[in-house]
Amino acid sequence: MGGTSKRRAFFETPAPFRFAVPLVLGNIRAHDMDSISTELVVIGSGPGGYAAAFYAADLGKKVILVERDPRLGGVCMNRGCIPSKALLNASHMISAAKESAHRGISFGDPTIDLTKLRGWKDSILEKLGQGIAGLAKMRGVTVIHGRGHFEDSTTLRVETKEGQKFIKFEKAILAVGSRPTLPKSFDLGNPLVMTSTEALEIADIPEKLLVIGGGYIGMELGTVYAAMGSSVTVIEAMEGILMGADADLIRPVAAYAKKAFKEVRLKSTVVKISTAGKQIKVVSDYNGQQLEELYDRVLVSVGRSPNSRDIGLENTKVQLDEKGFVKVDEQLASTDPNIYAIGDIAGGIMLAHKASREARIAVENLYGEGNPPNRDYVIPAVVFTDPEVAWVGLTENEAKLKNITVQVVKFPWGASGRALTYDRTDGLTKLLIEPETERILGVGIVGHGAGELIAEGALAVEMGATAHDLAAVVHPHPTLSETLMESAEVFFGHATHVHTRKKTS
């Protein structure tokens, strides 16, 4: 194309898009004339992004927070953690009502008003979003809504409703998160095939729902839809559900799923899905047979992918690994000295509280004093199924793989008075203890409220507590928290509510 044709193509381009590639006037780039300057720009306003922006502002830095969504909070608040827990709470209410008859309390069949349910869920998100926006304003953090794109290692272009804005920054923290993975073979362009994003909208309650993937998202949302009346089938390619957790913690969840779901098929794979009128036809392999079935909706829950593409990282020195995650060091600095990355985009466990912790680490390394912190921390994991599953530190699976000698002690919830009052004796609390030092290396809990209880386990592992430390802490009675104390007492062979003998060499 000749020079005249190039000029014609540029001026025939709609005005809002003309500067997608910076226009050079002499030796001055167009965005240099009207750019905004800041010390730190944070891209993404999820639990990692807004935590980083707020902490840096608290340290006196000039901060701009860029978010493409109209509401702050990121995936966790808008399309993940918060809406899923709201719906799980609603589903637990339905299950509790159904299971209360043996206590002498009976209810009629529940009626579900999906419009009101969605409205209640969305009101929670709006309140939280407004709260984050209010905190940003109080801290003097400038919020710009739009899609960010790196022009170079010190310039971010943001496409907003009002046009393009250019931000000149000294440092940047990338916190753009991840998205549900939807393999091309499953992407039919049919709204009946959902990811977690669409499933959380609860457009309807399908009579027959297929969940592809038995990980934490698939099992949590399968629990929601099953409680609301769907016949749920789960297909999982691995030999078990929730493969990150130890087998003894998963058994109560598998037992619940066996009752609540139509079927959980392990070592099964989906060969093909296709549109069949108002349903989805699914061909799968299971037990050496090929099955062909029709479902009203299909939820694809096979993992998440980093949002590292199409944001201009190729214009910086940032390097990605083979899966698209940003390569970072122990201080969360990328291979570009001006850009740090935290949360899902930096790889590792994709959890909101991991992102929040990394926000602190990144900001401390940028602006803190003394010894810079690194990624040496413990991250508790929680699956909000029924019952909940939680673990922190070393698991039995990891101990076996790494040849780490541990003594495993367990306290069954059948011996807990509080568990009996909940009618939830299906729980278990266990500790992994280093025999020589008696230090607690890992904690695992399955049962009602395990997600709340695991925080004490995280504290024990983080602080290097011993079994004696935990056993010596007076726990209130009757509570489920006592199961942690009594698990430690099991190690010494004198737990009050179970009869055990301490192992001797």
Protein backbone atom coordinates (compact mmCIF):
# COMPACT_ATOMS: atom_id res chain seq x y z
CA MET A 1 0.00 0.00 0.00
CA GLY A 2 1.40 3.42 -0.96
CA GLY A 3 1.66 6.46 1.33
CA THR A 4 -1.51 8.11 -0.07
CA SER A 5 -3.52 4.93 0.51
CA LYS A 6 -2.21 4.71 4.08
CA ARG A 7 -3.33 8.26 4.86
CA ARG A 8 -6.74 7.65 3.30
CA ALA A 9 -7.19 4.42 5.32
CA PHE A 10 -6.33 6.27 8.54
CA PHE A 11 -8.75 9.16 8.05
CA GLU A 12 -11.54 6.85 6.90
CA THR A 13 -11.22 4.95 10.21
CA PRO A 14 -13.92 5.93 12.76
CA ALA A 15 -12.54 8.57 15.12
CA PRO A 16 -12.66 6.52 18.37
CA PHE A 17 -10.36 3.90 16.86
CA ARG A 18 -7.83 6.05 15.00
CA PHE A 19 -5.24 5.95 17.74
CA ALA A 20 -5.24 2.21 18.41
CA VAL A 21 -1.65 2.55 17.18
CA PRO A 22 -0.07 5.77 18.53
CA LEU A 23 0.14 8.51 15.91
CA VAL A 24 3.61 10.05 15.69
CA LEU A 25 3.80 13.79 14.97
CA GLY A 26 7.45 14.60 14.37
CA ASN A 27 9.19 13.13 17.41
CA ILE A 28 6.12 13.42 19.68
CA ARG A 29 3.57 10.64 20.12
CA ALA A 30 -0.05 11.79 20.15
CA HIS A 31 -0.73 10.31 23.59
CA ASP A 32 2.21 12.23 25.09
CA MET A 33 0.29 15.47 24.60
CA ASP A 34 -2.70 14.63 26.81
CA SER A 35 -1.64 11.71 28.98
CA ILE A 36 -2.37 11.33 32.71
CA SER A 37 0.64 10.77 34.95
CA THR A 38 0.66 8.55 38.03
CA GLU A 39 3.10 6.70 40.25
CA LEU A 40 1.16 3.43 40.11
CA VAL A 41 -1.50 2.07 37.81
CA VAL A 42 -3.35 -1.10 38.81
CA ILE A 43 -5.16 -2.95 36.04
CA GLY A 44 -8.08 -4.99 37.38
CA SER A 45 -10.22 -4.30 40.44
CA GLY A 46 -10.71 -7.77 41.88
CA PRO A 47 -9.63 -8.78 45.41
CA GLY A 48 -6.01 -8.45 44.35
CA GLY A 49 -6.34 -5.27 42.31
CA TYR A 50 -8.30 -3.11 44.68
CA ALA A 51 -6.29 -4.37 47.67
CA ALA A 52 -3.08 -3.32 45.90
CA ALA A 53 -4.49 0.07 44.90
CA PHE A 54 -5.77 0.80 48.40
CA TYR A 55 -2.57 -0.28 50.15
CA ALA A 56 -0.40 1.80 47.83
CA ALA A 57 -2.69 4.80 48.41
CA ASP A 58 -2.44 4.24 52.16
CA LEU A 59 1.33 4.51 51.74
CA GLY A 60 0.88 7.93 50.13
CA LYS A 61 1.24 6.96 46.47
CA LYS A 62 -0.70 8.44 43.57
CA VAL A 63 -2.75 5.53 42.22
CA ILE A 64 -5.03 4.97 39.23
CA LEU A 65 -7.23 1.86 39.22
CA VAL A 66 -8.40 0.66 35.79
CA GLU A 67 -11.41 -1.68 35.50
CA ARG A 68 -13.20 -2.67 32.31
CA ASP A 69 -16.47 -3.60 34.06
CA PRO A 70 -18.96 -0.92 35.15
CA ARG A 71 -18.78 -2.22 38.73
CA LEU A 72 -15.62 -2.73 40.76
CA GLY A 73 -14.85 -6.05 42.41
CA GLY A 74 -13.62 -8.18 39.53
CA VAL A 75 -14.66 -11.73 38.73
CA CYS A 76 -14.75 -12.81 42.37
CA MET A 77 -17.40 -10.32 43.37
CA ASN A 78 -19.39 -10.08 40.15
CA ARG A 79 -19.17 -13.51 38.53
CA GLY A 80 -17.60 -15.87 41.05
CA CYS A 81 -17.11 -16.10 44.82
CA ILE A 82 -19.86 -13.80 46.06
CA PRO A 83 -22.79 -14.70 43.76
CA SER A 84 -22.01 -18.41 44.04
CA LYS A 85 -21.99 -18.26 47.85
CA ALA A 86 -25.26 -16.32 47.84
CA LEU A 87 -26.89 -19.03 45.73
CA LEU A 88 -25.31 -21.79 47.80
CA ASN A 89 -26.78 -20.23 50.93
CA ALA A 90 -30.21 -20.18 49.28
CA SER A 91 -29.84 -23.83 48.22
CA HIS A 92 -28.77 -24.87 51.73
CA MET A 93 -31.98 -23.30 53.08
CA ILE A 94 -34.01 -25.46 50.70
CA SER A 95 -32.11 -28.59 51.73
CA ALA A 96 -32.41 -27.79 55.43
CA ALA A 97 -36.17 -27.34 55.13
CA LYS A 98 -36.52 -30.70 53.40
CA GLU A 99 -34.40 -32.45 56.03
CA SER A 100 -36.14 -31.00 59.10
CA ALA A 101 -39.17 -33.31 59.24
CA HIS A 102 -37.47 -35.80 61.56
CA ARG A 103 -37.03 -32.98 64.06
CA GLY A 104 -40.77 -32.48 64.12
CA ILE A 105 -40.68 -29.43 61.85
CA SER A 106 -42.35 -29.79 58.45
CA PHE A 107 -42.63 -27.35 55.56
CA GLY A 108 -44.42 -27.48 52.25
CA ASP A 109 -42.56 -27.81 48.98
CA PRO A 110 -40.51 -24.64 48.32
CA THR A 111 -41.54 -22.24 45.59
CA ILE A 112 -38.70 -20.44 43.87
CA ASP A 113 -39.20 -16.98 42.39
CA LEU A 114 -36.14 -16.69 40.15
CA THR A 115 -36.67 -12.98 39.55
CA LYS A 116 -36.58 -12.26 43.29
CA LEU A 117 -33.67 -14.64 43.81
CA ARG A 118 -31.63 -12.93 41.10
CA GLY A 119 -32.62 -9.53 42.47
CA TRP A 120 -31.48 -10.47 45.97
CA LYS A 121 -28.18 -11.83 44.63
CA ASP A 122 -27.57 -8.77 42.49
CA SER A 123 -28.37 -6.40 45.37
CA ILE A 124 -25.48 -7.96 47.32
CA LEU A 125 -23.11 -7.37 44.42
CA GLU A 126 -24.27 -3.78 44.01
CA LYS A 127 -23.78 -3.02 47.72
CA LEU A 128 -20.30 -4.47 47.69
CA GLY A 129 -19.40 -2.68 44.45
CA GLN A 130 -20.55 0.65 45.86
CA GLY A 131 -18.57 -0.05 49.01
CA ILE A 132 -15.35 -0.62 47.06
CA ALA A 133 -15.98 2.52 44.98
CA GLY A 134 -16.55 4.50 48.17
CA LEU A 135 -13.33 3.25 49.71
CA ALA A 136 -11.43 4.17 46.54
CA LYS A 137 -12.81 7.70 46.70
CA MET A 138 -11.94 8.09 50.39
CA ARG A 139 -8.37 7.01 49.66
CA GLY A 140 -7.97 9.33 46.69
CA VAL A 141 -7.63 6.46 44.20
CA THR A 142 -8.66 7.55 40.71
CA VAL A 143 -10.90 4.96 39.05
CA ILE A 144 -11.08 4.75 35.26
CA HIS A 145 -13.54 2.33 33.68
CA GLY A 146 -12.37 0.91 30.39
CA ARG A 147 -10.21 -1.73 28.75
CA GLY A 148 -6.50 -1.28 29.37
CA HIS A 149 -3.85 -1.94 26.74
CA PHE A 150 -0.10 -1.48 27.19
CA GLU A 151 1.46 0.80 24.59
CA ASP A 152 4.88 0.26 26.15
CA SER A 153 6.43 -0.36 29.56
CA THR A 154 5.36 3.04 30.93
CA THR A 155 2.16 3.81 29.01
CA LEU A 156 -1.31 2.31 29.29
CA ARG A 157 -4.05 3.14 26.80
CA VAL A 158 -7.57 2.82 28.19
CA GLU A 159 -10.57 2.54 25.89
CA THR A 160 -13.44 4.23 27.74
CA LYS A 161 -16.97 5.26 26.78
CA GLU A 162 -15.69 8.83 26.52
CA GLY A 163 -12.83 7.86 24.22
CA GLN A 164 -9.21 6.91 24.73
CA LYS A 165 -7.17 7.92 27.76
CA PHE A 166 -3.42 7.50 28.05
CA ILE A 167 -1.80 6.88 31.42
CA LYS A 168 1.92 7.46 31.93
CA PHE A 169 2.99 5.39 34.91
CA GLU A 170 6.14 4.67 36.87
CA LYS A 171 5.02 1.21 37.97
CA ALA A 172 2.09 -1.07 37.13
CA ILE A 173 0.46 -3.99 38.90
CA LEU A 174 -1.34 -6.40 36.60
CA ALA A 175 -4.35 -8.00 38.30
CA VAL A 176 -6.60 -8.89 35.37
CA GLY A 177 -7.55 -12.36 36.62
CA SER A 178 -8.84 -15.29 34.62
CA ARG A 179 -11.92 -16.50 32.75
CA PRO A 180 -13.71 -19.86 32.47
CA THR A 181 -12.14 -22.19 29.95
CA LEU A 182 -14.50 -23.17 27.14
CA PRO A 183 -12.89 -25.65 24.73
CA LYS A 184 -13.67 -24.99 21.07
CA SER A 185 -15.42 -28.34 20.75
CA PHE A 186 -17.93 -27.23 23.40
CA ASP A 187 -18.38 -23.66 22.16
CA LEU A 188 -21.54 -24.05 20.08
CA GLY A 189 -22.67 -20.45 20.36
CA ASN A 190 -25.75 -21.86 22.09
CA PRO A 191 -26.82 -20.24 25.40
CA LEU A 192 -27.83 -23.68 26.68
CA VAL A 193 -24.09 -24.43 26.98
CA MET A 194 -22.93 -22.44 29.98
CA THR A 195 -19.77 -21.57 31.84
CA SER A 196 -19.92 -20.57 35.49
CA THR A 197 -20.59 -16.97 34.41
CA GLU A 198 -23.91 -17.85 32.76
CA ALA A 199 -24.81 -20.50 35.35
CA LEU A 200 -24.70 -17.89 38.12
CA GLU A 201 -27.40 -15.89 36.34
CA ILE A 202 -29.93 -18.70 37.03
CA ALA A 203 -31.89 -17.97 33.84
CA ASP A 204 -34.06 -21.00 34.59
CA ILE A 205 -34.00 -24.29 36.46
CA PRO A 206 -33.34 -26.95 33.81
CA GLU A 207 -35.01 -30.31 34.27
CA LYS A 208 -31.85 -32.11 33.19
CA LEU A 209 -28.43 -30.51 33.75
CA LEU A 210 -25.07 -31.96 32.76
CA VAL A 211 -21.99 -30.67 34.58
CA ILE A 212 -18.74 -31.37 32.74
CA GLY A 213 -16.00 -31.37 35.38
CA GLY A 214 -16.06 -32.49 39.00
CA GLY A 215 -13.83 -29.74 40.39
CA TYR A 216 -14.89 -27.20 42.98
CA ILE A 217 -16.86 -24.96 40.59
CA GLY A 218 -18.74 -27.84 39.02
CA MET A 219 -19.58 -29.43 42.36
CA GLU A 220 -20.65 -26.15 43.96
CA LEU A 221 -22.94 -25.13 41.11
CA GLY A 222 -24.20 -28.68 40.73
CA THR A 223 -25.23 -28.46 44.40
CA VAL A 224 -27.12 -25.21 43.73
CA TYR A 225 -29.08 -26.56 40.77
CA ALA A 226 -29.79 -29.91 42.41
CA ALA A 227 -31.28 -28.20 45.47
CA MET A 228 -33.49 -26.10 43.21
CA GLY A 229 -34.88 -29.13 41.45
CA SER A 230 -32.62 -30.03 38.53
CA SER A 231 -31.65 -33.61 37.82
CA VAL A 232 -27.87 -33.22 37.80
CA THR A 233 -25.34 -35.52 36.17
CA VAL A 234 -21.62 -34.89 36.65
CA ILE A 235 -19.02 -36.22 34.23
CA GLU A 236 -15.42 -36.21 35.48
CA ALA A 237 -12.45 -37.56 33.52
CA MET A 238 -10.36 -38.25 36.63
CA GLU A 239 -10.85 -41.10 39.09
CA GLY A 240 -12.43 -38.87 41.70
CA ILE A 241 -14.05 -35.48 42.32
CA LEU A 242 -12.19 -32.56 43.93
CA MET A 243 -8.83 -34.13 43.21
CA GLY A 244 -6.86 -31.50 45.14
CA ALA A 245 -8.09 -32.76 48.50
CA ASP A 246 -7.37 -35.96 50.42
CA ALA A 247 -9.71 -38.91 49.88
CA ASP A 248 -11.02 -39.03 53.44
CA LEU A 249 -12.14 -35.41 53.19
CA ILE A 250 -13.96 -36.07 49.92
CA ARG A 251 -15.95 -39.12 51.03
CA PRO A 252 -18.75 -37.15 52.78
CA VAL A 253 -19.09 -34.88 49.74
CA ALA A 254 -19.27 -37.87 47.41
CA ALA A 255 -21.90 -39.45 49.69
CA TYR A 256 -23.99 -36.26 49.55
CA ALA A 257 -23.61 -36.02 45.77
CA LYS A 258 -24.75 -39.64 45.41
CA LYS A 259 -28.03 -38.68 47.12
CA ALA A 260 -28.52 -35.19 45.69
CA PHE A 261 -27.38 -35.75 42.09
CA LYS A 262 -28.76 -38.18 39.58
CA GLU A 263 -25.28 -39.53 38.90
CA VAL A 264 -21.57 -38.81 39.21
CA ARG A 265 -19.60 -40.57 36.47
CA LEU A 266 -15.89 -40.88 37.09
CA LYS A 267 -13.29 -41.78 34.47
CA SER A 268 -15.76 -40.55 31.88
CA THR A 269 -15.18 -38.15 28.98
CA VAL A 270 -17.41 -36.11 26.71
CA VAL A 271 -16.77 -36.96 23.07
CA LYS A 272 -19.07 -34.44 21.41
CA ILE A 273 -21.89 -32.02 22.13
CA SER A 274 -24.30 -30.57 19.59
CA THR A 275 -27.57 -28.68 19.40
CA ALA A 276 -30.68 -30.85 19.17
CA GLY A 277 -33.70 -28.56 18.94
CA LYS A 278 -34.25 -26.99 22.36
CA GLN A 279 -31.78 -29.37 24.03
CA ILE A 280 -28.11 -30.32 23.85
CA LYS A 281 -27.12 -33.76 22.62
CA VAL A 282 -24.13 -35.16 24.48
CA VAL A 283 -22.06 -38.15 23.41
CA SER A 284 -19.79 -39.51 26.16
CA ASP A 285 -17.58 -42.50 26.93
CA TYR A 286 -18.27 -44.29 30.22
CA ASN A 287 -17.29 -47.78 31.35
CA GLY A 288 -16.28 -48.74 27.84
CA GLN A 289 -19.63 -47.70 26.38
CA GLN A 290 -20.58 -44.70 24.28
CA LEU A 291 -23.68 -42.96 25.63
CA GLU A 292 -25.88 -40.52 23.72
CA GLU A 293 -28.15 -38.33 25.88
CA LEU A 294 -30.17 -35.12 25.75
CA TYR A 295 -29.87 -32.36 28.36
CA ASP A 296 -31.73 -29.09 28.84
CA ARG A 297 -28.52 -27.28 29.78
CA VAL A 298 -24.81 -28.12 29.98
CA LEU A 299 -22.38 -26.47 32.39
CA VAL A 300 -18.76 -26.64 31.24
CA SER A 301 -16.47 -26.45 34.26
CA VAL A 302 -13.05 -27.65 33.18
CA GLY A 303 -10.79 -24.92 34.52
CA ARG A 304 -9.89 -21.26 34.03
CA SER A 305 -7.57 -19.44 31.63
CA PRO A 306 -5.49 -16.31 32.32
CA ASN A 307 -6.62 -12.98 30.80
CA SER A 308 -3.17 -12.27 29.38
CA ARG A 309 -4.04 -11.93 25.71
CA ASP A 310 -5.02 -8.75 23.86
CA ILE A 311 -3.81 -6.36 26.56
CA GLY A 312 -0.60 -5.27 24.85
CA LEU A 313 1.91 -7.30 26.85
CA GLU A 314 3.82 -7.89 23.63
CA ASN A 315 4.67 -4.17 23.73
CA THR A 316 6.43 -4.64 27.07
CA LYS A 317 9.20 -6.90 28.37
CA VAL A 318 6.69 -9.12 30.17
CA GLN A 319 7.10 -12.82 29.40
CA LEU A 320 4.36 -15.46 29.54
CA ASP A 321 4.72 -19.16 30.25
CA GLU A 322 3.38 -21.87 27.96
CA LYS A 323 -0.08 -21.61 29.53
CA GLY A 324 -0.32 -17.83 29.21
CA PHE A 325 0.46 -16.89 32.82
CA VAL A 326 2.80 -14.00 33.51
CA LYS A 327 6.22 -15.14 34.67
CA VAL A 328 7.01 -13.58 38.06
CA ASP A 329 9.72 -13.95 40.68
CA GLU A 330 9.32 -14.41 44.43
CA GLN A 331 8.56 -10.70 44.81
CA LEU A 332 5.90 -10.91 42.04
CA ALA A 333 7.95 -8.78 39.64
CA SER A 334 7.58 -9.75 36.00
CA THR A 335 10.43 -9.80 33.51
CA ASP A 336 9.63 -6.13 32.87
CA PRO A 337 11.08 -4.11 35.79
CA ASN A 338 8.12 -1.70 35.72
CA ILE A 339 5.35 -4.30 35.85
CA TYR A 340 4.29 -6.66 38.65
CA ALA A 341 1.59 -9.34 38.39
CA ILE A 342 -0.65 -10.78 41.12
CA GLY A 343 -3.55 -13.18 41.49
CA ASP A 344 -4.75 -15.57 38.81
CA ILE A 345 -2.69 -13.93 36.05
CA ALA A 346 0.50 -14.79 37.98
CA GLY A 347 -0.34 -18.50 38.06
CA GLY A 348 -0.50 -20.86 41.01
CA ILE A 349 -3.66 -21.48 42.99
CA MET A 350 -6.54 -19.39 41.65
CA LEU A 351 -8.09 -18.11 44.84
CA ALA A 352 -9.24 -14.63 45.81
CA HIS A 353 -7.43 -14.59 49.16
CA LYS A 354 -4.21 -15.59 47.43
CA ALA A 355 -4.59 -12.53 45.19
CA SER A 356 -5.23 -10.28 48.20
CA ARG A 357 -2.10 -11.57 49.91
CA GLU A 358 -0.04 -11.07 46.76
CA ALA A 359 -1.32 -7.50 46.53
CA ARG A 360 0.38 -6.75 49.85
CA ILE A 361 3.58 -8.48 48.77
CA ALA A 362 3.78 -6.58 45.48
CA VAL A 363 3.14 -3.18 47.06
CA GLU A 364 5.60 -3.88 49.90
CA ASN A 365 8.26 -4.78 47.38
CA LEU A 366 7.56 -1.61 45.40
CA TYR A 367 7.25 0.87 48.24
CA GLY A 368 7.95 -0.84 51.56
CA GLU A 369 10.99 -0.66 53.80
CA GLY A 370 13.24 -3.34 55.25
CA ASN A 371 13.39 -6.90 54.00
CA PRO A 372 11.07 -7.36 51.01
CA PRO A 373 8.46 -10.11 51.50
CA ASN A 374 8.14 -13.05 49.13
CA ARG A 375 5.59 -15.74 48.28
CA ASP A 376 6.45 -17.94 51.26
CA TYR A 377 2.99 -18.24 52.82
CA VAL A 378 0.27 -20.81 53.35
CA ILE A 379 -2.99 -20.59 51.42
CA PRO A 380 -6.12 -22.27 52.79
CA ALA A 381 -8.43 -23.83 50.22
CA VAL A 382 -12.20 -24.14 50.69
CA VAL A 383 -14.81 -25.92 48.59
CA PHE A 384 -18.32 -24.75 49.50
CA THR A 385 -20.10 -28.00 48.71
CA ASP A 386 -22.37 -29.80 51.15
CA PRO A 387 -20.56 -30.54 53.37
CA GLU A 388 -17.81 -27.97 52.98
CA VAL A 389 -14.22 -29.12 52.51
CA ALA A 390 -11.18 -27.11 53.61
CA TRP A 391 -7.48 -27.72 53.94
CA VAL A 392 -4.27 -25.78 54.49
CA GLY A 393 -0.58 -26.61 54.42
CA LEU A 394 0.55 -30.12 53.65
CA THR A 395 -1.96 -32.74 52.51
CA GLU A 396 -1.55 -36.49 52.83
CA ASN A 397 -1.28 -36.77 49.06
CA GLU A 398 1.57 -34.25 49.00
CA ALA A 399 3.32 -35.90 51.94
CA LYS A 400 3.37 -39.23 50.08
CA LEU A 401 4.59 -37.65 46.83
CA LYS A 402 7.37 -35.76 48.63
CA ASN A 403 8.27 -38.62 51.00
CA ILE A 404 7.61 -36.44 54.04
CA THR A 405 7.05 -38.43 57.22
CA VAL A 406 3.96 -37.26 59.10
CA GLN A 407 1.65 -38.61 61.76
CA VAL A 408 -2.00 -38.15 60.81
CA VAL A 409 -4.48 -37.74 63.66
CA LYS A 410 -8.23 -37.49 63.16
CA PHE A 411 -11.25 -36.49 65.20
CA PRO A 412 -14.60 -37.77 63.85
CA TRP A 413 -17.51 -35.37 64.21
CA GLY A 414 -19.73 -38.18 65.40
CA ALA A 415 -18.07 -37.52 68.77
CA SER A 416 -18.89 -33.79 68.68
CA GLY A 417 -21.92 -32.62 70.62
CA ARG A 418 -22.21 -29.50 68.48
CA ALA A 419 -22.14 -31.55 65.28
CA LEU A 420 -24.99 -33.66 66.66
CA THR A 421 -27.09 -30.53 67.29
CA TYR A 422 -26.58 -29.60 63.64
CA ASP A 423 -27.44 -33.15 62.53
CA ARG A 424 -24.09 -33.03 60.73
CA THR A 425 -21.99 -35.86 62.08
CA ASP A 426 -20.56 -36.54 58.62
CA GLY A 427 -17.57 -34.29 59.37
CA LEU A 428 -13.94 -34.96 60.14
CA THR A 429 -11.02 -32.86 61.41
CA LYS A 430 -7.45 -34.03 60.95
CA LEU A 431 -3.94 -32.80 61.55
CA LEU A 432 -0.68 -33.73 59.84
CA ILE A 433 2.06 -33.54 62.44
CA GLU A 434 5.83 -33.80 62.13
CA PRO A 435 6.68 -36.59 64.63
CA GLU A 436 10.07 -35.27 65.79
CA THR A 437 9.08 -31.64 66.40
CA GLU A 438 5.32 -32.14 66.90
CA ARG A 439 4.86 -29.18 64.54
CA ILE A 440 1.56 -28.98 62.67
CA LEU A 441 2.31 -29.19 58.94
CA GLY A 442 -1.24 -29.44 57.61
CA VAL A 443 -4.89 -29.31 58.61
CA GLY A 444 -7.89 -30.79 56.82
CA ILE A 445 -11.57 -30.38 57.67
CA VAL A 446 -14.77 -31.62 56.07
CA GLY A 447 -18.11 -30.72 57.55
CA HIS A 448 -20.60 -27.97 58.29
CA GLY A 449 -18.79 -24.61 58.37
CA ALA A 450 -15.37 -26.05 57.48
CA GLY A 451 -14.60 -22.88 55.54
CA GLU A 452 -14.80 -20.82 58.73
CA LEU A 453 -12.94 -23.35 60.89
CA ILE A 454 -9.92 -23.66 58.59
CA ALA A 455 -8.69 -20.18 59.55
CA GLU A 456 -7.48 -21.53 62.89
CA GLY A 457 -5.65 -24.27 61.02
CA ALA A 458 -4.05 -21.68 58.73
CA LEU A 459 -2.87 -19.73 61.77
CA ALA A 460 -1.40 -22.87 63.32
CA VAL A 461 0.53 -23.80 60.17
CA GLU A 462 1.65 -20.21 59.45
CA MET A 463 2.92 -19.65 63.00
CA GLY A 464 4.65 -23.03 63.23
CA ALA A 465 2.43 -24.15 66.11
CA THR A 466 2.87 -27.56 67.68
CA ALA A 467 0.23 -30.09 68.62
CA HIS A 468 0.77 -29.09 72.25
CA ASP A 469 0.10 -25.42 71.39
CA LEU A 470 -3.23 -26.29 69.80
CA ALA A 471 -4.23 -28.76 72.52
CA ALA A 472 -3.46 -26.19 75.23
CA VAL A 473 -5.76 -23.50 73.77
CA VAL A 474 -9.09 -23.50 75.61
CA HIS A 475 -11.88 -23.73 73.01
CA PRO A 476 -15.48 -22.77 73.83
CA HIS A 477 -17.99 -25.58 74.31
CA PRO A 478 -20.08 -26.71 72.57
CA THR A 479 -18.53 -25.66 69.26
CA LEU A 480 -17.17 -27.30 66.16
CA SER A 481 -13.88 -25.48 66.80
CA GLU A 482 -13.28 -27.96 69.64
CA THR A 483 -12.61 -30.60 67.02
CA LEU A 484 -9.28 -28.91 66.26
CA MET A 485 -8.27 -29.01 69.91
CA GLU A 486 -9.36 -32.61 70.29
CA SER A 487 -7.52 -33.62 67.12
CA ALA A 488 -4.35 -32.33 68.77
CA GLU A 489 -5.23 -34.27 71.92
CA VAL A 490 -5.61 -37.43 69.82
CA PHE A 491 -1.92 -37.05 68.96
CA PHE A 492 -1.07 -37.35 72.65
CA GLY A 493 -3.53 -40.19 73.24
CA HIS A 494 -5.87 -38.41 75.65
CA ALA A 495 -8.69 -36.83 73.64
CA THR A 496 -11.70 -36.53 75.95
CA HIS A 497 -14.40 -37.59 73.54
CA VAL A 498 -12.67 -40.41 71.67
CA HIS A 499 -10.62 -43.27 73.06
CA THR A 500 -7.19 -43.43 71.47
CA ARG A 501 -3.68 -44.48 72.35
CA LYS A 502 -0.65 -42.50 71.33
CA LYS A 503 1.52 -44.43 68.93
CA THR A 504 4.89 -45.42 70.30
CA SER A 505 7.96 -46.28 68.29
